[in-house]
Amino acid sequence: MINRLNCKEYYFSSHAVQRMFERKINKNSVISAIKEGEVIADYPDDTPYPSCLILYFVKSKPIHAVVALDIAEEKCYIITVYIPSIKLWHEDYKTRRDK
């Protein structure tokens, strides 16, 4: 499990930038999420790099970020960023609701 992402560089996918703009989430909040947030799910088999789902609170508003990590180069690739829906997530925003 990825516990902490050590990133020297950050790369935002166009999808992530679009979603951040739509949801009014700024770049600094996402970088803070990567540095200080909690990894709540790992996706070790993702390619080309393993990724994870991070939970972070910005002024008590939860955000989720999906981030892939190139461990060798210490580069983080932000895939998407969103505000988790209470319809899909329990109140802790860490556990998905059953469908």
Protein backbone atom coordinates (compact mmCIF):
# COMPACT_ATOMS: atom_id res chain seq x y z
CA MET A 1 0.00 0.00 0.00
CA ILE A 2 1.17 3.49 -0.81
CA ASN A 3 1.25 5.36 2.51
CA ARG A 4 2.83 8.60 1.41
CA LEU A 5 3.59 9.91 -2.03
CA ASN A 6 7.03 11.44 -2.38
CA CYS A 7 6.79 13.68 -5.41
CA LYS A 8 9.41 15.98 -6.80
CA GLU A 9 7.19 16.89 -9.75
CA TYR A 10 3.45 17.08 -10.33
CA TYR A 11 1.69 16.58 -13.65
CA PHE A 12 -2.01 17.31 -14.07
CA SER A 13 -3.93 15.47 -16.77
CA SER A 14 -6.22 17.60 -18.92
CA HIS A 15 -9.11 15.63 -17.40
CA ALA A 16 -7.99 16.58 -13.87
CA VAL A 17 -7.62 20.25 -14.81
CA GLN A 18 -11.08 20.29 -16.36
CA ARG A 19 -12.65 18.64 -13.30
CA MET A 20 -10.78 20.96 -10.92
CA PHE A 21 -12.05 23.98 -12.85
CA GLU A 22 -15.65 22.68 -12.82
CA ARG A 23 -15.47 21.93 -9.09
CA LYS A 24 -13.51 25.04 -8.09
CA ILE A 25 -10.61 23.04 -6.65
CA ASN A 26 -7.26 24.76 -7.02
CA LYS A 27 -3.85 23.28 -7.77
CA ASN A 28 -2.46 24.06 -4.31
CA SER A 29 -5.31 22.12 -2.66
CA VAL A 30 -4.51 19.08 -4.78
CA ILE A 31 -0.80 19.27 -3.99
CA SER A 32 -1.67 19.59 -0.29
CA ALA A 33 -3.90 16.53 -0.64
CA ILE A 34 -0.99 14.56 -2.08
CA LYS A 35 1.38 15.72 0.65
CA GLU A 36 -0.98 15.56 3.63
CA GLY A 37 -4.04 13.53 2.65
CA GLU A 38 -4.94 9.97 3.53
CA VAL A 39 -4.55 7.16 1.01
CA ILE A 40 -7.86 5.29 1.19
CA ALA A 41 -7.44 2.90 -1.75
CA ASP A 42 -4.56 1.46 -3.73
CA TYR A 43 -4.57 0.39 -7.35
CA PRO A 44 -1.18 -1.39 -7.65
CA ASP A 45 -1.98 -2.95 -11.03
CA ASP A 46 -2.78 0.32 -12.80
CA THR A 47 -0.55 1.10 -15.75
CA PRO A 48 1.76 2.65 -16.58
CA TYR A 49 2.15 3.41 -12.84
CA PRO A 50 0.44 2.22 -9.68
CA SER A 51 -2.12 4.71 -8.42
CA CYS A 52 -4.13 5.48 -5.33
CA LEU A 53 -7.17 7.37 -4.11
CA ILE A 54 -6.49 10.14 -1.61
CA LEU A 55 -8.93 11.82 0.76
CA TYR A 56 -8.24 15.36 1.91
CA PHE A 57 -10.31 18.12 3.47
CA VAL A 58 -10.13 21.71 2.24
CA LYS A 59 -11.88 23.98 4.74
CA SER A 60 -13.94 20.96 5.90
CA LYS A 61 -14.93 20.13 2.27
CA PRO A 62 -13.80 16.62 1.26
CA ILE A 63 -11.97 16.04 -1.98
CA HIS A 64 -10.77 12.84 -3.60
CA ALA A 65 -7.76 12.74 -5.88
CA VAL A 66 -6.65 9.79 -7.98
CA VAL A 67 -2.88 9.96 -8.36
CA ALA A 68 -0.41 7.71 -10.19
CA LEU A 69 3.14 7.57 -8.90
CA ASP A 70 6.29 6.98 -10.90
CA ILE A 71 8.32 5.77 -7.93
CA ALA A 72 11.68 5.71 -9.72
CA GLU A 73 11.39 9.31 -10.94
CA GLU A 74 9.34 10.58 -7.96
CA LYS A 75 6.73 12.07 -10.29
CA CYS A 76 3.03 12.26 -9.46
CA TYR A 77 0.41 12.23 -12.17
CA ILE A 78 -2.96 13.59 -11.09
CA ILE A 79 -5.60 11.63 -12.98
CA THR A 80 -8.77 13.19 -11.59
CA VAL A 81 -10.05 15.23 -8.67
CA TYR A 82 -13.61 15.35 -7.39
CA ILE A 83 -15.86 16.06 -4.44
CA PRO A 84 -17.17 12.71 -3.20
CA SER A 85 -20.95 12.40 -3.18
CA ILE A 86 -22.67 11.37 0.06
CA LYS A 87 -24.89 9.23 -2.17
CA LEU A 88 -21.87 7.09 -3.12
CA TRP A 89 -19.73 7.40 0.02
CA HIS A 90 -20.40 6.98 3.73
CA GLU A 91 -20.04 10.03 5.98
CA ASP A 92 -16.32 9.29 6.51
CA TYR A 93 -15.78 9.64 2.72
CA LYS A 94 -13.48 6.61 2.94
CA THR A 95 -16.01 3.83 2.45
CA ARG A 96 -18.20 3.34 -0.61
CA ARG A 97 -21.87 2.67 -0.03
CA ASP A 98 -23.29 -0.62 -1.24
CA LYS A 99 -25.28 -0.29 -4.43
